[in-house]
Amino acid sequence: MMTKNNNLQNIEPLMTGKHEYYAEFCPEGTLKLVEYALEAASAGIPMIVLRTKDAIYCAAKKQTFESLEVPKNLNIVQISEKVYLAISGFAADVDQIVEKVRDMAARKTYELGFDVTADILARSLADERQELIQRSGERPMAFTAIFFGFDDDIPLLYHTDTSAVFYSYYALGIGENSMKMNKYLEKGYNMDLDHNRALFTVVKGLSESIGNEFSPGNISVCYTKNNNELQYLDVREIDTILQRISEAD
C-alpha cells in the first residue's frame, strides 16, 4: 500500500497547472492547445505553392507594415542553397520557426555532409514539433509551412505545421481561406501544366482567398526551375495574368 501511495504522489505534480491544461483532449481525441494553434495559423497570410514536372510556383498575399516599420519578407524565404520555405501563421511564431529552420539546415548539412533537401528539413521540423507536443508544456507555435526545392532535377514540396504532420504534396494552399484555395487546386491542377498555365493556376487559386483585395500590387508571384533561384514577377507581368483570369471568368 505504501508503494502505491508513493507512486501517486510522484504522478500528482505532473497533472497540475499547465501540464493538466496542456494534456486536455477534445472529444475527437486531439489536443486542445494544438487545435487552438492550428486555428490561429489558419488566419495567416494566404499563399499557394505547386510543382510541375520541372518547376515550382508560388503566389502569396503581401504583408502589410506600419508606416515607420522596416519591411521584411519572412513568408517566402530561402533556407539553404536547395530549399525554400513558404510559411504562414502568427507573426512572432513565424519569425521563430524561420530562425529554427535555418539553424536546423546548417546543423543537418554539417551532420550529413551534403546539402539538405526539402524533405529532410520538413521531416526534421515535424519530428521536433512532435517531441515538444509529447514532452513539453510550452504553448505550441501557430504556423503552417511548405518546404520546397529540388533534389537533383526533381521538384519537391513538403508540408508540416503545428500538429507535426509530414506530407508530400503536388499543390497546396495555406493560411486564410486555405480550404477555398485547395478546393480550386483540386479542380485546376495537374502535373502537365506549362509555365503560363501554372502561373495562372497559383494566382487564380490565391484569388479564391483574397477576393476583392486582389490587385497586382498586393501579391507576390515567383517560380524556380532547374535548381535556379526564385524568379519574381513584376507588377506588369502579374497584371497580365489577372487580365487573363478576368477574361476566363
C-alpha atoms as a PDB file:
ATOM      1  CA  MET A   1       0.000   0.000   0.000  1.00  0.00           C
ATOM      2  CA  MET A   2       2.839   2.362   0.817  1.00  0.00           C
ATOM      3  CA  THR A   3       4.351   1.809  -2.620  1.00  0.00           C
ATOM      4  CA  LYS A   4       1.071   2.674  -4.314  1.00  0.00           C
ATOM      5  CA  ASN A   5       0.710   5.927  -2.341  1.00  0.00           C
ATOM      6  CA  ASN A   6       4.279   6.941  -3.151  1.00  0.00           C
ATOM      7  CA  ASN A   7       3.672   6.353  -6.854  1.00  0.00           C
ATOM      8  CA  LEU A   8       0.543   8.500  -6.768  1.00  0.00           C
ATOM      9  CA  GLN A   9       2.452  11.283  -5.041  1.00  0.00           C
ATOM     10  CA  ASN A  10       5.099  11.156  -7.757  1.00  0.00           C
ATOM     11  CA  ILE A  11       2.487  11.387 -10.503  1.00  0.00           C
ATOM     12  CA  GLU A  12       0.373  14.145  -8.973  1.00  0.00           C
ATOM     13  CA  PRO A  13       2.652  17.133  -9.789  1.00  0.00           C
ATOM     14  CA  LEU A  14       2.542  16.215 -13.484  1.00  0.00           C
ATOM     15  CA  MET A  15      -1.237  16.614 -13.507  1.00  0.00           C
ATOM     16  CA  THR A  16      -1.363  20.157 -12.124  1.00  0.00           C
ATOM     17  CA  GLY A  17      -1.052  23.643 -13.600  1.00  0.00           C
ATOM     18  CA  LYS A  18      -0.077  23.953 -17.240  1.00  0.00           C
ATOM     19  CA  HIS A  19       0.535  20.199 -17.626  1.00  0.00           C
ATOM     20  CA  GLU A  20      -3.082  19.429 -16.790  1.00  0.00           C
ATOM     21  CA  TYR A  21      -4.345  22.053 -19.237  1.00  0.00           C
ATOM     22  CA  TYR A  22      -1.885  21.089 -21.948  1.00  0.00           C
ATOM     23  CA  ALA A  23      -2.992  17.474 -21.821  1.00  0.00           C
ATOM     24  CA  GLU A  24      -6.699  18.235 -22.266  1.00  0.00           C
ATOM     25  CA  PHE A  25      -8.192  16.419 -25.242  1.00  0.00           C
ATOM     26  CA  CYS A  26     -11.100  17.371 -27.471  1.00  0.00           C
ATOM     27  CA  PRO A  27     -13.879  14.773 -27.902  1.00  0.00           C
ATOM     28  CA  GLU A  28     -12.259  13.877 -31.256  1.00  0.00           C
ATOM     29  CA  GLY A  29      -9.034  12.922 -29.465  1.00  0.00           C
ATOM     30  CA  THR A  30      -6.972  15.974 -30.432  1.00  0.00           C
ATOM     31  CA  LEU A  31      -5.032  18.192 -28.029  1.00  0.00           C
ATOM     32  CA  LYS A  32      -6.791  21.481 -27.359  1.00  0.00           C
ATOM     33  CA  LEU A  33      -3.707  23.716 -27.449  1.00  0.00           C
ATOM     34  CA  VAL A  34      -2.622  22.227 -30.774  1.00  0.00           C
ATOM     35  CA  GLU A  35      -6.113  22.838 -32.167  1.00  0.00           C
ATOM     36  CA  TYR A  36      -6.027  26.449 -30.958  1.00  0.00           C
ATOM     37  CA  ALA A  37      -2.631  26.966 -32.600  1.00  0.00           C
ATOM     38  CA  LEU A  38      -3.845  25.472 -35.886  1.00  0.00           C
ATOM     39  CA  GLU A  39      -6.862  27.779 -35.805  1.00  0.00           C
ATOM     40  CA  ALA A  40      -4.582  30.790 -35.304  1.00  0.00           C
ATOM     41  CA  ALA A  41      -2.318  29.645 -38.159  1.00  0.00           C
ATOM     42  CA  SER A  42      -5.320  29.323 -40.480  1.00  0.00           C
ATOM     43  CA  ALA A  43      -5.819  33.096 -40.226  1.00  0.00           C
ATOM     44  CA  GLY A  44      -2.308  33.834 -41.508  1.00  0.00           C
ATOM     45  CA  ILE A  45      -1.081  35.213 -44.838  1.00  0.00           C
ATOM     46  CA  PRO A  46      -2.651  33.161 -47.690  1.00  0.00           C
ATOM     47  CA  MET A  47      -0.272  31.508 -50.146  1.00  0.00           C
ATOM     48  CA  ILE A  48      -0.136  28.689 -52.684  1.00  0.00           C
ATOM     49  CA  VAL A  49       2.743  26.503 -53.827  1.00  0.00           C
ATOM     50  CA  LEU A  50       2.554  23.939 -56.628  1.00  0.00           C
ATOM     51  CA  ARG A  51       5.029  21.807 -58.525  1.00  0.00           C
ATOM     52  CA  THR A  52       5.065  20.610 -62.103  1.00  0.00           C
ATOM     53  CA  LYS A  53       7.445  18.146 -63.726  1.00  0.00           C
ATOM     54  CA  ASP A  54      10.302  20.633 -63.870  1.00  0.00           C
ATOM     55  CA  ALA A  55       9.364  23.727 -61.846  1.00  0.00           C
ATOM     56  CA  ILE A  56       7.824  25.068 -58.632  1.00  0.00           C
ATOM     57  CA  TYR A  57       5.464  28.055 -58.492  1.00  0.00           C
ATOM     58  CA  CYS A  58       4.370  30.194 -55.559  1.00  0.00           C
ATOM     59  CA  ALA A  59       1.890  33.027 -55.020  1.00  0.00           C
ATOM     60  CA  ALA A  60       1.255  34.870 -51.750  1.00  0.00           C
ATOM     61  CA  LYS A  61      -0.508  37.936 -50.451  1.00  0.00           C
ATOM     62  CA  LYS A  62       1.994  40.618 -49.487  1.00  0.00           C
ATOM     63  CA  GLN A  63       2.382  41.537 -45.842  1.00  0.00           C
ATOM     64  CA  THR A  64       1.284  44.958 -44.652  1.00  0.00           C
ATOM     65  CA  PHE A  65       3.539  47.047 -42.429  1.00  0.00           C
ATOM     66  CA  GLU A  66       3.219  50.115 -40.239  1.00  0.00           C
ATOM     67  CA  SER A  67       4.316  53.355 -41.909  1.00  0.00           C
ATOM     68  CA  LEU A  68       7.532  53.520 -39.853  1.00  0.00           C
ATOM     69  CA  GLU A  69       8.224  49.784 -39.797  1.00  0.00           C
ATOM     70  CA  VAL A  70      11.103  48.388 -41.854  1.00  0.00           C
ATOM     71  CA  PRO A  71       9.555  45.921 -44.351  1.00  0.00           C
ATOM     72  CA  LYS A  72      10.797  42.344 -44.298  1.00  0.00           C
ATOM     73  CA  ASN A  73       9.788  39.155 -46.039  1.00  0.00           C
ATOM     74  CA  LEU A  74       9.588  36.118 -43.781  1.00  0.00           C
ATOM     75  CA  ASN A  75       6.773  34.353 -45.606  1.00  0.00           C
ATOM     76  CA  ILE A  76       8.750  33.110 -48.623  1.00  0.00           C
ATOM     77  CA  VAL A  77      12.393  32.706 -47.651  1.00  0.00           C
ATOM     78  CA  GLN A  78      15.462  30.860 -48.847  1.00  0.00           C
ATOM     79  CA  ILE A  79      16.674  28.477 -46.157  1.00  0.00           C
ATOM     80  CA  SER A  80      19.643  26.901 -47.917  1.00  0.00           C
ATOM     81  CA  GLU A  81      21.054  26.501 -51.394  1.00  0.00           C
ATOM     82  CA  LYS A  82      18.413  23.896 -52.284  1.00  0.00           C
ATOM     83  CA  VAL A  83      15.474  24.700 -50.002  1.00  0.00           C
ATOM     84  CA  TYR A  84      12.875  27.455 -49.778  1.00  0.00           C
ATOM     85  CA  LEU A  85      10.192  27.903 -47.147  1.00  0.00           C
ATOM     86  CA  ALA A  86       6.682  29.309 -47.570  1.00  0.00           C
ATOM     87  CA  ILE A  87       5.253  29.860 -44.098  1.00  0.00           C
ATOM     88  CA  SER A  88       2.119  31.418 -42.641  1.00  0.00           C
ATOM     89  CA  GLY A  89       0.714  31.855 -39.156  1.00  0.00           C
ATOM     90  CA  PHE A  90       1.112  34.010 -36.046  1.00  0.00           C
ATOM     91  CA  ALA A  91       3.771  36.600 -36.949  1.00  0.00           C
ATOM     92  CA  ALA A  92       6.013  36.159 -33.900  1.00  0.00           C
ATOM     93  CA  ASP A  93       5.906  32.371 -34.226  1.00  0.00           C
ATOM     94  CA  VAL A  94       6.705  32.552 -37.939  1.00  0.00           C
ATOM     95  CA  ASP A  95       9.845  34.571 -37.129  1.00  0.00           C
ATOM     96  CA  GLN A  96      10.926  31.954 -34.597  1.00  0.00           C
ATOM     97  CA  ILE A  97      10.277  28.999 -36.901  1.00  0.00           C
ATOM     98  CA  VAL A  98      12.274  30.581 -39.741  1.00  0.00           C
ATOM     99  CA  GLU A  99      15.283  31.015 -37.454  1.00  0.00           C
ATOM    100  CA  LYS A 100      14.898  27.484 -36.080  1.00  0.00           C
ATOM    101  CA  VAL A 101      14.781  26.031 -39.587  1.00  0.00           C
ATOM    102  CA  ARG A 102      17.865  27.965 -40.698  1.00  0.00           C
ATOM    103  CA  ASP A 103      19.803  26.665 -37.699  1.00  0.00           C
ATOM    104  CA  MET A 104      18.470  23.186 -38.373  1.00  0.00           C
ATOM    105  CA  ALA A 105      19.566  23.343 -42.019  1.00  0.00           C
ATOM    106  CA  ALA A 106      23.112  24.337 -41.052  1.00  0.00           C
ATOM    107  CA  ARG A 107      23.293  21.607 -38.413  1.00  0.00           C
ATOM    108  CA  LYS A 108      21.888  18.879 -40.675  1.00  0.00           C
ATOM    109  CA  THR A 109      24.194  19.847 -43.532  1.00  0.00           C
ATOM    110  CA  TYR A 110      27.174  19.523 -41.184  1.00  0.00           C
ATOM    111  CA  GLU A 111      25.967  16.190 -39.759  1.00  0.00           C
ATOM    112  CA  LEU A 112      25.092  14.595 -43.106  1.00  0.00           C
ATOM    113  CA  GLY A 113      27.920  16.027 -45.177  1.00  0.00           C
ATOM    114  CA  PHE A 114      25.707  17.232 -48.049  1.00  0.00           C
ATOM    115  CA  ASP A 115      23.190  20.000 -48.729  1.00  0.00           C
ATOM    116  CA  VAL A 116      19.879  19.085 -47.127  1.00  0.00           C
ATOM    117  CA  THR A 117      16.737  18.875 -49.252  1.00  0.00           C
ATOM    118  CA  ALA A 118      13.150  19.963 -48.583  1.00  0.00           C
ATOM    119  CA  ASP A 119      12.020  16.540 -47.370  1.00  0.00           C
ATOM    120  CA  ILE A 120      14.836  16.275 -44.814  1.00  0.00           C
ATOM    121  CA  LEU A 121      14.116  19.694 -43.308  1.00  0.00           C
ATOM    122  CA  ALA A 122      10.345  19.205 -43.244  1.00  0.00           C
ATOM    123  CA  ARG A 123      10.767  15.832 -41.536  1.00  0.00           C
ATOM    124  CA  SER A 124      13.253  17.276 -39.024  1.00  0.00           C
ATOM    125  CA  LEU A 125      10.939  20.138 -38.082  1.00  0.00           C
ATOM    126  CA  ALA A 126       7.957  17.786 -37.779  1.00  0.00           C
ATOM    127  CA  ASP A 127       9.947  15.443 -35.528  1.00  0.00           C
ATOM    128  CA  GLU A 128      10.978  18.343 -33.298  1.00  0.00           C
ATOM    129  CA  ARG A 129       7.383  19.592 -33.050  1.00  0.00           C
ATOM    130  CA  GLN A 130       6.139  16.086 -32.227  1.00  0.00           C
ATOM    131  CA  GLU A 131       8.627  15.757 -29.391  1.00  0.00           C
ATOM    132  CA  LEU A 132       7.538  19.101 -27.948  1.00  0.00           C
ATOM    133  CA  ILE A 133       3.884  18.078 -28.130  1.00  0.00           C
ATOM    134  CA  GLN A 134       4.607  14.880 -26.223  1.00  0.00           C
ATOM    135  CA  ARG A 135       7.065  16.144 -23.622  1.00  0.00           C
ATOM    136  CA  SER A 136       6.714  19.901 -23.203  1.00  0.00           C
ATOM    137  CA  GLY A 137       4.211  22.176 -21.520  1.00  0.00           C
ATOM    138  CA  GLU A 138       5.015  25.180 -23.702  1.00  0.00           C
ATOM    139  CA  ARG A 139       2.492  26.842 -25.999  1.00  0.00           C
ATOM    140  CA  PRO A 140       2.617  25.293 -29.486  1.00  0.00           C
ATOM    141  CA  MET A 141       3.780  27.743 -32.156  1.00  0.00           C
ATOM    142  CA  ALA A 142       0.987  28.712 -34.548  1.00  0.00           C
ATOM    143  CA  PHE A 143       2.348  28.088 -38.042  1.00  0.00           C
ATOM    144  CA  THR A 144       1.800  26.129 -41.219  1.00  0.00           C
ATOM    145  CA  ALA A 145       4.686  25.655 -43.639  1.00  0.00           C
ATOM    146  CA  ILE A 146       5.606  24.374 -47.085  1.00  0.00           C
ATOM    147  CA  PHE A 147       9.202  23.348 -47.805  1.00  0.00           C
ATOM    148  CA  PHE A 148      10.071  23.303 -51.497  1.00  0.00           C
ATOM    149  CA  GLY A 149      13.103  22.938 -53.727  1.00  0.00           C
ATOM    150  CA  PHE A 150      14.895  20.403 -55.897  1.00  0.00           C
ATOM    151  CA  ASP A 151      16.655  17.119 -55.296  1.00  0.00           C
ATOM    152  CA  ASP A 152      18.853  16.965 -58.384  1.00  0.00           C
ATOM    153  CA  ASP A 153      16.256  17.888 -61.044  1.00  0.00           C
ATOM    154  CA  ILE A 154      13.194  16.602 -59.178  1.00  0.00           C
ATOM    155  CA  PRO A 155      10.850  19.242 -57.685  1.00  0.00           C
ATOM    156  CA  LEU A 156       9.939  18.579 -54.041  1.00  0.00           C
ATOM    157  CA  LEU A 157       7.072  20.014 -51.988  1.00  0.00           C
ATOM    158  CA  TYR A 158       6.504  19.013 -48.352  1.00  0.00           C
ATOM    159  CA  HIS A 159       4.108  20.304 -45.708  1.00  0.00           C
ATOM    160  CA  THR A 160       4.245  20.404 -41.920  1.00  0.00           C
ATOM    161  CA  ASP A 161       2.551  22.508 -39.254  1.00  0.00           C
ATOM    162  CA  THR A 162       1.906  22.906 -35.531  1.00  0.00           C
ATOM    163  CA  SER A 163       0.479  19.384 -35.281  1.00  0.00           C
ATOM    164  CA  ALA A 164       3.754  17.853 -36.576  1.00  0.00           C
ATOM    165  CA  VAL A 165       2.251  16.302 -39.710  1.00  0.00           C
ATOM    166  CA  PHE A 166       4.614  15.480 -42.580  1.00  0.00           C
ATOM    167  CA  TYR A 167       3.126  15.123 -46.064  1.00  0.00           C
ATOM    168  CA  SER A 168       4.262  15.436 -49.667  1.00  0.00           C
ATOM    169  CA  TYR A 169       2.001  17.441 -51.991  1.00  0.00           C
ATOM    170  CA  TYR A 170       1.660  18.291 -55.651  1.00  0.00           C
ATOM    171  CA  ALA A 171      -0.003  21.598 -54.740  1.00  0.00           C
ATOM    172  CA  LEU A 172      -1.197  23.205 -51.516  1.00  0.00           C
ATOM    173  CA  GLY A 173      -2.742  26.410 -50.220  1.00  0.00           C
ATOM    174  CA  ILE A 174      -2.133  27.554 -46.633  1.00  0.00           C
ATOM    175  CA  GLY A 175      -3.229  30.475 -44.498  1.00  0.00           C
ATOM    176  CA  GLU A 176      -6.509  32.363 -44.620  1.00  0.00           C
ATOM    177  CA  ASN A 177      -9.274  30.602 -46.585  1.00  0.00           C
ATOM    178  CA  SER A 178      -6.990  27.664 -47.367  1.00  0.00           C
ATOM    179  CA  MET A 179      -9.996  25.395 -47.914  1.00  0.00           C
ATOM    180  CA  LYS A 180     -11.219  27.606 -50.774  1.00  0.00           C
ATOM    181  CA  MET A 181      -7.764  27.652 -52.364  1.00  0.00           C
ATOM    182  CA  ASN A 182      -7.332  23.893 -52.104  1.00  0.00           C
ATOM    183  CA  LYS A 183     -10.802  23.273 -53.497  1.00  0.00           C
ATOM    184  CA  TYR A 184      -9.798  25.242 -56.596  1.00  0.00           C
ATOM    185  CA  LEU A 185      -6.464  23.411 -56.849  1.00  0.00           C
ATOM    186  CA  GLU A 186      -8.234  20.053 -56.783  1.00  0.00           C
ATOM    187  CA  LYS A 187     -10.061  21.095 -59.958  1.00  0.00           C
ATOM    188  CA  GLY A 188      -7.435  23.195 -61.731  1.00  0.00           C
ATOM    189  CA  TYR A 189      -4.152  21.376 -61.083  1.00  0.00           C
ATOM    190  CA  ASN A 190      -2.301  18.680 -62.993  1.00  0.00           C
ATOM    191  CA  MET A 191       1.383  17.763 -63.305  1.00  0.00           C
ATOM    192  CA  ASP A 192       1.483  18.643 -67.012  1.00  0.00           C
ATOM    193  CA  LEU A 193       0.790  22.362 -66.586  1.00  0.00           C
ATOM    194  CA  ASP A 194       3.011  24.503 -68.788  1.00  0.00           C
ATOM    195  CA  HIS A 195       4.694  27.655 -67.472  1.00  0.00           C
ATOM    196  CA  ASN A 196       1.900  30.102 -68.280  1.00  0.00           C
ATOM    197  CA  ARG A 197      -0.860  27.808 -67.060  1.00  0.00           C
ATOM    198  CA  ALA A 198       0.987  27.110 -63.805  1.00  0.00           C
ATOM    199  CA  LEU A 199       1.298  30.847 -63.127  1.00  0.00           C
ATOM    200  CA  PHE A 200      -2.389  31.255 -63.945  1.00  0.00           C
ATOM    201  CA  THR A 201      -3.288  28.453 -61.526  1.00  0.00           C
ATOM    202  CA  VAL A 202      -1.396  29.779 -58.484  1.00  0.00           C
ATOM    203  CA  VAL A 203      -2.683  33.320 -58.993  1.00  0.00           C
ATOM    204  CA  LYS A 204      -6.256  32.216 -59.627  1.00  0.00           C
ATOM    205  CA  GLY A 205      -6.094  29.918 -56.603  1.00  0.00           C
ATOM    206  CA  LEU A 206      -4.840  32.774 -54.420  1.00  0.00           C
ATOM    207  CA  SER A 207      -7.716  34.951 -55.610  1.00  0.00           C
ATOM    208  CA  GLU A 208     -10.104  32.454 -54.018  1.00  0.00           C
ATOM    209  CA  SER A 209      -8.766  33.631 -50.647  1.00  0.00           C
ATOM    210  CA  ILE A 210      -8.150  37.328 -51.222  1.00  0.00           C
ATOM    211  CA  GLY A 211     -11.326  38.177 -53.166  1.00  0.00           C
ATOM    212  CA  ASN A 212     -11.923  41.908 -53.638  1.00  0.00           C
ATOM    213  CA  GLU A 213      -8.483  42.830 -52.274  1.00  0.00           C
ATOM    214  CA  PHE A 214      -6.849  41.244 -55.310  1.00  0.00           C
ATOM    215  CA  SER A 215      -4.552  43.574 -57.286  1.00  0.00           C
ATOM    216  CA  PRO A 216      -1.086  43.325 -58.898  1.00  0.00           C
ATOM    217  CA  GLY A 217       0.465  45.434 -56.149  1.00  0.00           C
ATOM    218  CA  ASN A 218      -0.570  43.350 -53.160  1.00  0.00           C
ATOM    219  CA  ILE A 219       0.553  39.871 -54.211  1.00  0.00           C
ATOM    220  CA  SER A 220       3.925  38.215 -54.839  1.00  0.00           C
ATOM    221  CA  VAL A 221       4.357  35.597 -57.549  1.00  0.00           C
ATOM    222  CA  CYS A 222       7.549  33.627 -58.094  1.00  0.00           C
ATOM    223  CA  TYR A 223       8.893  30.395 -59.560  1.00  0.00           C
ATOM    224  CA  THR A 224      12.054  28.322 -59.757  1.00  0.00           C
ATOM    225  CA  LYS A 225      13.260  25.967 -62.486  1.00  0.00           C
ATOM    226  CA  ASN A 226      16.221  23.619 -62.759  1.00  0.00           C
ATOM    227  CA  ASN A 227      17.629  24.396 -59.302  1.00  0.00           C
ATOM    228  CA  ASN A 228      17.838  28.109 -60.101  1.00  0.00           C
ATOM    229  CA  GLU A 229      16.998  30.896 -57.654  1.00  0.00           C
ATOM    230  CA  LEU A 230      13.443  32.151 -57.260  1.00  0.00           C
ATOM    231  CA  GLN A 231      12.378  34.463 -60.072  1.00  0.00           C
ATOM    232  CA  TYR A 232       9.797  37.093 -59.045  1.00  0.00           C
ATOM    233  CA  LEU A 233       7.274  38.518 -61.481  1.00  0.00           C
ATOM    234  CA  ASP A 234       6.974  42.295 -61.696  1.00  0.00           C
ATOM    235  CA  VAL A 235       3.683  44.171 -61.363  1.00  0.00           C
ATOM    236  CA  ARG A 236       3.151  44.326 -65.117  1.00  0.00           C
ATOM    237  CA  GLU A 237       3.547  40.558 -65.507  1.00  0.00           C
ATOM    238  CA  ILE A 238       1.147  39.925 -62.621  1.00  0.00           C
ATOM    239  CA  ASP A 239      -1.360  42.339 -64.152  1.00  0.00           C
ATOM    240  CA  THR A 240      -1.231  40.358 -67.404  1.00  0.00           C
ATOM    241  CA  ILE A 241      -2.148  37.191 -65.506  1.00  0.00           C
ATOM    242  CA  LEU A 242      -5.011  38.987 -63.749  1.00  0.00           C
ATOM    243  CA  GLN A 243      -6.352  40.125 -67.117  1.00  0.00           C
ATOM    244  CA  ARG A 244      -6.299  36.524 -68.333  1.00  0.00           C
ATOM    245  CA  ILE A 245      -8.170  35.441 -65.207  1.00  0.00           C
ATOM    246  CA  SER A 246     -10.764  38.177 -65.732  1.00  0.00           C
ATOM    247  CA  GLU A 247     -11.274  37.124 -69.349  1.00  0.00           C
ATOM    248  CA  ALA A 248     -11.590  33.460 -68.338  1.00  0.00           C
ATOM    249  CA  ASP A 249     -14.259  34.317 -65.757  1.00  0.00           C
END
